[in-house]
Structure formats: C-alpha cells, structure tokens
C-alpha atoms as a PDB file:
ATOM      1  CA  UNK A   1     229.766 -63.039 -23.435  1.00  0.00           C
ATOM      2  CA  UNK A   2     228.724 -61.755 -26.549  1.00  0.00           C
ATOM      3  CA  UNK A   3     226.574 -63.053 -29.379  1.00  0.00           C
ATOM      4  CA  UNK A   4     225.876 -62.090 -32.870  1.00  0.00           C
ATOM      5  CA  UNK A   5     221.925 -61.948 -33.459  1.00  0.00           C
ATOM      6  CA  UNK A   6     219.926 -60.537 -36.548  1.00  0.00           C
ATOM      7  CA  UNK A   7     216.729 -58.482 -36.195  1.00  0.00           C
ATOM      8  CA  UNK A   8     214.340 -56.737 -38.707  1.00  0.00           C
ATOM      9  CA  UNK A   9     213.975 -53.447 -37.197  1.00  0.00           C
ATOM     10  CA  UNK A  10     211.406 -51.478 -39.114  1.00  0.00           C
ATOM     11  CA  UNK A  11     211.702 -52.948 -42.399  1.00  0.00           C
ATOM     12  CA  UNK A  12     215.454 -53.344 -42.061  1.00  0.00           C
ATOM     13  CA  UNK A  13     217.537 -56.548 -41.609  1.00  0.00           C
ATOM     14  CA  UNK A  14     220.041 -55.753 -39.008  1.00  0.00           C
ATOM     15  CA  UNK A  15     222.993 -57.705 -37.384  1.00  0.00           C
ATOM     16  CA  UNK A  16     224.674 -56.977 -34.426  1.00  0.00           C
ATOM     17  CA  UNK A  17     227.012 -58.586 -31.888  1.00  0.00           C
ATOM     18  CA  UNK A  18     226.144 -57.583 -28.263  1.00  0.00           C
ATOM     19  CA  UNK A  19     226.561 -58.724 -24.457  1.00  0.00           C
ATOM     20  CA  UNK A  20     224.022 -61.330 -23.671  1.00  0.00           C
ATOM     21  CA  UNK A  21     222.650 -59.569 -20.706  1.00  0.00           C
ATOM     22  CA  UNK A  22     221.729 -56.596 -23.376  1.00  0.00           C
ATOM     23  CA  UNK A  23     218.019 -55.719 -23.258  1.00  0.00           C
ATOM     24  CA  UNK A  24     215.855 -55.014 -26.511  1.00  0.00           C
ATOM     25  CA  UNK A  25     215.532 -51.738 -25.983  1.00  0.00           C
ATOM     26  CA  UNK A  26     219.125 -51.108 -25.262  1.00  0.00           C
ATOM     27  CA  UNK A  27     220.227 -53.212 -28.452  1.00  0.00           C
ATOM     28  CA  UNK A  28     217.946 -50.496 -30.451  1.00  0.00           C
ATOM     29  CA  UNK A  29     219.059 -47.528 -28.707  1.00  0.00           C
ATOM     30  CA  UNK A  30     222.694 -48.305 -27.806  1.00  0.00           C
ATOM     31  CA  UNK A  31     223.835 -50.571 -30.597  1.00  0.00           C
ATOM     32  CA  UNK A  32     221.848 -49.768 -33.347  1.00  0.00           C
ATOM     33  CA  UNK A  33     220.983 -46.104 -33.085  1.00  0.00           C
ATOM     34  CA  UNK A  34     217.172 -46.619 -33.279  1.00  0.00           C
ATOM     35  CA  UNK A  35     215.662 -43.912 -30.535  1.00  0.00           C
ATOM     36  CA  UNK A  36     212.270 -44.173 -31.159  1.00  0.00           C
ATOM     37  CA  UNK A  37     211.281 -46.479 -28.157  1.00  0.00           C
ATOM     38  CA  UNK A  38     212.173 -44.379 -24.795  1.00  0.00           C
ATOM     39  CA  UNK A  39     214.212 -45.688 -21.865  1.00  0.00           C
ATOM     40  CA  UNK A  40     211.709 -45.052 -18.730  1.00  0.00           C
ATOM     41  CA  UNK A  41     211.452 -46.622 -15.206  1.00  0.00           C
ATOM     42  CA  UNK A  42     213.682 -49.734 -17.447  1.00  0.00           C
ATOM     43  CA  UNK A  43     211.383 -52.555 -15.159  1.00  0.00           C
ATOM     44  CA  UNK A  44     208.513 -52.526 -17.396  1.00  0.00           C
ATOM     45  CA  UNK A  45     205.511 -50.504 -15.557  1.00  0.00           C
ATOM     46  CA  UNK A  46     205.877 -47.124 -17.652  1.00  0.00           C
ATOM     47  CA  UNK A  47     205.210 -48.580 -21.418  1.00  0.00           C
ATOM     48  CA  UNK A  48     207.440 -46.074 -22.722  1.00  0.00           C
ATOM     49  CA  UNK A  49     209.337 -48.491 -24.515  1.00  0.00           C
ATOM     50  CA  UNK A  50     206.923 -50.592 -26.000  1.00  0.00           C
ATOM     51  CA  UNK A  51     207.719 -52.035 -29.703  1.00  0.00           C
ATOM     52  CA  UNK A  52     205.885 -54.337 -31.907  1.00  0.00           C
ATOM     53  CA  UNK A  53     207.553 -57.885 -31.321  1.00  0.00           C
ATOM     54  CA  UNK A  54     206.715 -60.189 -33.579  1.00  0.00           C
ATOM     55  CA  UNK A  55     203.422 -58.571 -34.564  1.00  0.00           C
ATOM     56  CA  UNK A  56     202.490 -58.390 -30.227  1.00  0.00           C
ATOM     57  CA  UNK A  57     203.150 -55.451 -28.328  1.00  0.00           C
ATOM     58  CA  UNK A  58     206.234 -56.070 -26.040  1.00  0.00           C
ATOM     59  CA  UNK A  59     207.967 -53.631 -22.946  1.00  0.00           C
ATOM     60  CA  UNK A  60     211.561 -53.985 -25.052  1.00  0.00           C
ATOM     61  CA  UNK A  61     212.944 -53.291 -21.213  1.00  0.00           C
ATOM     62  CA  UNK A  62     212.494 -56.745 -20.070  1.00  0.00           C
ATOM     63  CA  UNK A  63     213.082 -58.631 -23.299  1.00  0.00           C
ATOM     64  CA  UNK A  64     216.905 -60.208 -23.748  1.00  0.00           C
ATOM     65  CA  UNK A  65     217.947 -59.189 -27.305  1.00  0.00           C
ATOM     66  CA  UNK A  66     219.958 -62.470 -27.599  1.00  0.00           C
ATOM     67  CA  UNK A  67     216.509 -64.580 -27.245  1.00  0.00           C
ATOM     68  CA  UNK A  68     215.101 -62.519 -30.337  1.00  0.00           C
ATOM     69  CA  UNK A  69     217.403 -63.771 -33.109  1.00  0.00           C
ATOM     70  CA  UNK A  70     215.587 -63.848 -36.230  1.00  0.00           C
ATOM     71  CA  UNK A  71     212.615 -61.667 -34.986  1.00  0.00           C
ATOM     72  CA  UNK A  72     211.136 -58.620 -36.300  1.00  0.00           C
ATOM     73  CA  UNK A  73     210.644 -55.477 -34.691  1.00  0.00           C
ATOM     74  CA  UNK A  74     208.170 -52.585 -35.519  1.00  0.00           C
ATOM     75  CA  UNK A  75     208.830 -49.320 -33.541  1.00  0.00           C
ATOM     76  CA  UNK A  76     206.528 -45.935 -33.919  1.00  0.00           C
ATOM     77  CA  UNK A  77     208.846 -44.691 -36.412  1.00  0.00           C
ATOM     78  CA  UNK A  78     208.086 -47.722 -38.586  1.00  0.00           C
ATOM     79  CA  UNK A  79     204.652 -47.607 -38.933  1.00  0.00           C
ATOM     80  CA  UNK A  80     204.309 -45.288 -41.683  1.00  0.00           C
ATOM     81  CA  UNK A  81     203.725 -46.867 -44.882  1.00  0.00           C
ATOM     82  CA  UNK A  82     204.883 -45.114 -48.104  1.00  0.00           C
ATOM     83  CA  UNK A  83     205.093 -41.779 -46.660  1.00  0.00           C
ATOM     84  CA  UNK A  84     201.621 -41.996 -45.269  1.00  0.00           C
ATOM     85  CA  UNK A  85     201.013 -41.940 -41.422  1.00  0.00           C
ATOM     86  CA  UNK A  86     199.403 -45.273 -39.727  1.00  0.00           C
ATOM     87  CA  UNK A  87     195.836 -44.444 -38.750  1.00  0.00           C
ATOM     88  CA  UNK A  88     197.185 -44.407 -35.261  1.00  0.00           C
ATOM     89  CA  UNK A  89     199.717 -41.819 -35.530  1.00  0.00           C
ATOM     90  CA  UNK A  90     197.342 -39.316 -37.573  1.00  0.00           C
ATOM     91  CA  UNK A  91     194.690 -39.734 -34.884  1.00  0.00           C
ATOM     92  CA  UNK A  92     197.111 -39.014 -31.864  1.00  0.00           C
ATOM     93  CA  UNK A  93     197.975 -35.842 -33.900  1.00  0.00           C
ATOM     94  CA  UNK A  94     194.173 -34.808 -34.766  1.00  0.00           C
ATOM     95  CA  UNK A  95     193.426 -34.790 -31.183  1.00  0.00           C
ATOM     96  CA  UNK A  96     196.338 -33.493 -29.806  1.00  0.00           C
ATOM     97  CA  UNK A  97     196.998 -36.931 -27.904  1.00  0.00           C
ATOM     98  CA  UNK A  98     200.150 -36.058 -26.416  1.00  0.00           C
ATOM     99  CA  UNK A  99     202.074 -33.133 -24.630  1.00  0.00           C
ATOM    100  CA  UNK A 100     205.593 -33.788 -23.828  1.00  0.00           C
ATOM    101  CA  UNK A 101     205.915 -36.422 -26.133  1.00  0.00           C
ATOM    102  CA  UNK A 102     208.139 -38.792 -24.456  1.00  0.00           C
ATOM    103  CA  UNK A 103     205.735 -41.754 -23.941  1.00  0.00           C
ATOM    104  CA  UNK A 104     203.842 -40.963 -27.397  1.00  0.00           C
ATOM    105  CA  UNK A 105     206.129 -43.661 -29.037  1.00  0.00           C
ATOM    106  CA  UNK A 106     204.946 -46.394 -26.933  1.00  0.00           C
ATOM    107  CA  UNK A 107     201.811 -45.208 -26.319  1.00  0.00           C
ATOM    108  CA  UNK A 108     201.007 -45.578 -30.309  1.00  0.00           C
ATOM    109  CA  UNK A 109     202.947 -48.916 -30.543  1.00  0.00           C
ATOM    110  CA  UNK A 110     200.857 -50.075 -27.627  1.00  0.00           C
ATOM    111  CA  UNK A 111     197.593 -48.565 -29.135  1.00  0.00           C
ATOM    112  CA  UNK A 112     198.165 -50.605 -32.579  1.00  0.00           C
ATOM    113  CA  UNK A 113     198.713 -53.444 -30.919  1.00  0.00           C
ATOM    114  CA  UNK A 114     195.963 -53.484 -28.808  1.00  0.00           C
ATOM    115  CA  UNK A 115     193.754 -52.903 -31.595  1.00  0.00           C
ATOM    116  CA  UNK A 116     194.921 -55.859 -33.013  1.00  0.00           C
ATOM    117  CA  UNK A 117     194.158 -57.540 -30.497  1.00  0.00           C
ATOM    118  CA  UNK A 118     190.778 -56.639 -29.686  1.00  0.00           C
ATOM    119  CA  UNK A 119     190.250 -57.572 -33.651  1.00  0.00           C
ATOM    120  CA  UNK A 120     191.345 -61.136 -32.795  1.00  0.00           C
ATOM    121  CA  UNK A 121     188.821 -61.185 -30.149  1.00  0.00           C
ATOM    122  CA  UNK A 122     191.241 -61.416 -26.992  1.00  0.00           C
ATOM    123  CA  UNK A 123     189.018 -59.978 -23.804  1.00  0.00           C
ATOM    124  CA  UNK A 124     190.505 -57.604 -21.542  1.00  0.00           C
ATOM    125  CA  UNK A 125     189.598 -57.968 -17.929  1.00  0.00           C
ATOM    126  CA  UNK A 126     186.826 -55.471 -18.206  1.00  0.00           C
ATOM    127  CA  UNK A 127     185.364 -57.328 -21.541  1.00  0.00           C
ATOM    128  CA  UNK A 128     181.831 -58.359 -20.600  1.00  0.00           C
ATOM    129  CA  UNK A 129     181.395 -61.897 -21.229  1.00  0.00           C
ATOM    130  CA  UNK A 130     178.016 -63.935 -22.683  1.00  0.00           C
ATOM    131  CA  UNK A 131     176.952 -64.376 -18.579  1.00  0.00           C
ATOM    132  CA  UNK A 132     177.006 -60.603 -18.092  1.00  0.00           C
ATOM    133  CA  UNK A 133     180.607 -60.739 -16.024  1.00  0.00           C
ATOM    134  CA  UNK A 134     184.048 -59.777 -16.951  1.00  0.00           C
ATOM    135  CA  UNK A 135     187.012 -61.829 -18.436  1.00  0.00           C
ATOM    136  CA  UNK A 136     188.885 -61.095 -15.556  1.00  0.00           C
ATOM    137  CA  UNK A 137     186.416 -63.241 -13.473  1.00  0.00           C
ATOM    138  CA  UNK A 138     184.402 -65.559 -15.734  1.00  0.00           C
ATOM    139  CA  UNK A 139     184.335 -66.968 -18.914  1.00  0.00           C
ATOM    140  CA  UNK A 140     187.942 -67.155 -19.855  1.00  0.00           C
ATOM    141  CA  UNK A 141     190.893 -69.770 -19.548  1.00  0.00           C
ATOM    142  CA  UNK A 142     193.653 -69.741 -16.715  1.00  0.00           C
ATOM    143  CA  UNK A 143     195.880 -68.238 -18.984  1.00  0.00           C
ATOM    144  CA  UNK A 144     193.508 -65.132 -19.165  1.00  0.00           C
ATOM    145  CA  UNK A 145     192.337 -65.996 -22.942  1.00  0.00           C
ATOM    146  CA  UNK A 146     188.580 -66.734 -23.857  1.00  0.00           C
ATOM    147  CA  UNK A 147     187.625 -70.740 -23.969  1.00  0.00           C
ATOM    148  CA  UNK A 148     186.694 -70.644 -27.672  1.00  0.00           C
ATOM    149  CA  UNK A 149     186.405 -67.975 -30.562  1.00  0.00           C
ATOM    150  CA  UNK A 150     184.571 -65.264 -29.655  1.00  0.00           C
ATOM    151  CA  UNK A 151     181.488 -64.878 -31.744  1.00  0.00           C
ATOM    152  CA  UNK A 152     182.533 -61.221 -32.807  1.00  0.00           C
ATOM    153  CA  UNK A 153     185.288 -58.815 -31.478  1.00  0.00           C
ATOM    154  CA  UNK A 154     184.731 -57.206 -28.193  1.00  0.00           C
ATOM    155  CA  UNK A 155     183.375 -53.961 -28.589  1.00  0.00           C
ATOM    156  CA  UNK A 156     185.710 -50.983 -27.247  1.00  0.00           C
ATOM    157  CA  UNK A 157     183.824 -48.475 -25.066  1.00  0.00           C
ATOM    158  CA  UNK A 158     186.112 -46.107 -23.169  1.00  0.00           C
ATOM    159  CA  UNK A 159     186.514 -48.552 -20.344  1.00  0.00           C
ATOM    160  CA  UNK A 160     187.843 -50.987 -22.380  1.00  0.00           C
ATOM    161  CA  UNK A 161     190.571 -48.601 -23.762  1.00  0.00           C
ATOM    162  CA  UNK A 162     191.802 -47.458 -20.755  1.00  0.00           C
ATOM    163  CA  UNK A 163     192.037 -50.752 -19.402  1.00  0.00           C
ATOM    164  CA  UNK A 164     193.684 -51.893 -22.281  1.00  0.00           C
ATOM    165  CA  UNK A 165     195.911 -48.841 -22.521  1.00  0.00           C
ATOM    166  CA  UNK A 166     197.074 -49.376 -18.483  1.00  0.00           C
ATOM    167  CA  UNK A 167     200.312 -50.231 -19.140  1.00  0.00           C
ATOM    168  CA  UNK A 168     201.234 -47.158 -20.588  1.00  0.00           C
ATOM    169  CA  UNK A 169     201.714 -43.870 -18.504  1.00  0.00           C
ATOM    170  CA  UNK A 170     201.588 -40.556 -19.617  1.00  0.00           C
ATOM    171  CA  UNK A 171     203.088 -38.198 -16.965  1.00  0.00           C
ATOM    172  CA  UNK A 172     201.593 -35.038 -18.722  1.00  0.00           C
ATOM    173  CA  UNK A 173     198.317 -36.465 -18.052  1.00  0.00           C
ATOM    174  CA  UNK A 174     197.008 -36.458 -21.721  1.00  0.00           C
ATOM    175  CA  UNK A 175     195.082 -39.356 -21.077  1.00  0.00           C
ATOM    176  CA  UNK A 176     191.344 -38.061 -22.457  1.00  0.00           C
ATOM    177  CA  UNK A 177     192.995 -36.810 -25.748  1.00  0.00           C
ATOM    178  CA  UNK A 178     195.009 -40.602 -25.846  1.00  0.00           C
ATOM    179  CA  UNK A 179     191.426 -42.285 -25.700  1.00  0.00           C
ATOM    180  CA  UNK A 180     189.926 -39.814 -28.366  1.00  0.00           C
ATOM    181  CA  UNK A 181     193.173 -40.815 -30.507  1.00  0.00           C
ATOM    182  CA  UNK A 182     191.973 -44.369 -30.025  1.00  0.00           C
ATOM    183  CA  UNK A 183     188.458 -44.210 -30.592  1.00  0.00           C
ATOM    184  CA  UNK A 184     189.099 -41.965 -34.167  1.00  0.00           C
ATOM    185  CA  UNK A 185     191.275 -44.472 -35.373  1.00  0.00           C
ATOM    186  CA  UNK A 186     189.155 -47.271 -34.013  1.00  0.00           C
ATOM    187  CA  UNK A 187     185.974 -45.958 -35.870  1.00  0.00           C
ATOM    188  CA  UNK A 188     187.855 -44.740 -39.160  1.00  0.00           C
ATOM    189  CA  UNK A 189     187.225 -40.852 -38.565  1.00  0.00           C
ATOM    190  CA  UNK A 190     189.051 -38.650 -41.002  1.00  0.00           C
ATOM    191  CA  UNK A 191     190.104 -35.242 -39.485  1.00  0.00           C
ATOM    192  CA  UNK A 192     193.193 -34.221 -40.298  1.00  0.00           C
ATOM    193  CA  UNK A 193     194.337 -36.944 -42.544  1.00  0.00           C
ATOM    194  CA  UNK A 194     193.190 -40.011 -45.088  1.00  0.00           C
ATOM    195  CA  UNK A 195     192.808 -43.522 -43.239  1.00  0.00           C
ATOM    196  CA  UNK A 196     193.819 -45.414 -46.006  1.00  0.00           C
ATOM    197  CA  UNK A 197     193.943 -49.066 -44.323  1.00  0.00           C
ATOM    198  CA  UNK A 198     192.343 -49.955 -40.689  1.00  0.00           C
ATOM    199  CA  UNK A 199     193.715 -49.137 -37.616  1.00  0.00           C
ATOM    200  CA  UNK A 200     193.512 -52.826 -36.828  1.00  0.00           C
ATOM    201  CA  UNK A 201     195.740 -54.177 -39.631  1.00  0.00           C
ATOM    202  CA  UNK A 202     198.742 -55.384 -38.063  1.00  0.00           C
ATOM    203  CA  UNK A 203     201.671 -53.617 -38.676  1.00  0.00           C
ATOM    204  CA  UNK A 204     203.708 -56.698 -39.621  1.00  0.00           C
ATOM    205  CA  UNK A 205     203.155 -60.438 -40.176  1.00  0.00           C
ATOM    206  CA  UNK A 206     203.164 -62.582 -37.081  1.00  0.00           C
ATOM    207  CA  UNK A 207     205.682 -65.816 -37.916  1.00  0.00           C
ATOM    208  CA  UNK A 208     204.486 -69.182 -36.722  1.00  0.00           C
ATOM    209  CA  UNK A 209     207.201 -68.380 -33.446  1.00  0.00           C
ATOM    210  CA  UNK A 210     205.311 -64.961 -32.528  1.00  0.00           C
ATOM    211  CA  UNK A 211     205.600 -64.418 -28.929  1.00  0.00           C
ATOM    212  CA  UNK A 212     201.941 -63.723 -26.852  1.00  0.00           C
ATOM    213  CA  UNK A 213     203.333 -60.819 -24.558  1.00  0.00           C
ATOM    214  CA  UNK A 214     201.842 -57.500 -23.765  1.00  0.00           C
ATOM    215  CA  UNK A 215     202.244 -54.232 -21.654  1.00  0.00           C
ATOM    216  CA  UNK A 216     201.699 -54.433 -18.404  1.00  0.00           C
ATOM    217  CA  UNK A 217     201.838 -51.674 -15.752  1.00  0.00           C
ATOM    218  CA  UNK A 218     199.592 -50.245 -13.050  1.00  0.00           C
ATOM    219  CA  UNK A 219     198.428 -46.949 -14.283  1.00  0.00           C
ATOM    220  CA  UNK A 220     194.963 -46.554 -15.745  1.00  0.00           C
ATOM    221  CA  UNK A 221     193.882 -43.528 -18.051  1.00  0.00           C
ATOM    222  CA  UNK A 222     191.019 -41.890 -16.890  1.00  0.00           C
END
C-alpha cells in the first residue's frame, strides 16, 4: 500500500509517494536522493543514520516515513547556513573528528541534537543532581526527565559528552577527537573557522508536535 507524504528536508519541500513500510532513512536515500544519513546496522544501534526530526535527533532507520507527514528533517548536509559551516561541523574538521567518515554525518547530527538537549537542561544517566547522585538513579521522573526546570543547564564534562553520544558508534575509533570536537563547539573555541552562532542553537524551529525521541545504542566513546 502506497501513501503520499510531504516533508521539509534541509529547508526544501519534498513530496513523495512510498510504501507505508518505508523507513525515513530509506525514503531520504532511495526516494529523495539524500545520501548524508548512512545505512549502517539498520537496527538503531550504530547511529550512522541519525537526523534531526522536528528538532530532535532520531535514528531514521527506526522511523516510518509515512508517520512523519509534514515533518521537518535536517541532515548533516543541511546544517550549514549561507555557506558557513555549523560550529559542530567546523569543530569536527578542526579536531580531526573522523577517519573513514562513514559515521560522521550521524555523529554531527547527534552532537547538534545533544547540545540542544543539554542547553534545555535535559539530564543524562550520569548527570549529577542536587543530592550528588546521577540522573539515572535519582532526581528524575519515570520517563527519565527532571521533575522540574533545572536551575541551569547541565555542565558537560567529558564523561557527560561520552554518555550523551553513546548511541553513535565509530568503528575507526576516533572517539577522543569526537569528544574534543564537541568540546570545541560547546565552548565556542575557534581553531580553523568562525563561530558565528552558538553550537547549541537549534538547527530548525520545533513545531508544536515535535517528537521527543533521541538516539539509543550501546557503544560508549572512550
């Protein structure tokens, strides 16, 4: 059974007719010719297919395209603005945060989404709460979110960055440089390029029905 859906992909409107079983990843790559998100494990475990869906990072291999009619999608290829690289993209270049580059688009999208989450005050499993514990064990609601607005955005030591990026695997083992790149983007350091906008600035506006999803996985950079 086919269905027609409309998407806003990297700032451009697209309409496509597809089988209702088609994932967002396959719709982007096979139907729209957008090859930035990569097909890796196809099981939501490697993060190579990560995109920003309505402003939130998701594994596009786990999302049915037909359920995203009218949604906004940003891939790594759509993060640059007016010919200027996004601060996270520039930081990956400056810090040599990739080798073969296959996982890099997903790493970059995940990093942008993760920095947005941290700026909003969303805790991770290792975020220290006011009692000195961690968000994964105390001070959080059953859904894993804080019960009230935080006094300030969580700090991001390297352990926090590793935990928050643990759903994105790099078979080349470039994790040390990936953490350094995210640190550069977070702190606004300028090595090889200009940082004209904060790295924590959302790539796209979040509509009222924005999904609350994030990448998952088992590999932790270290």
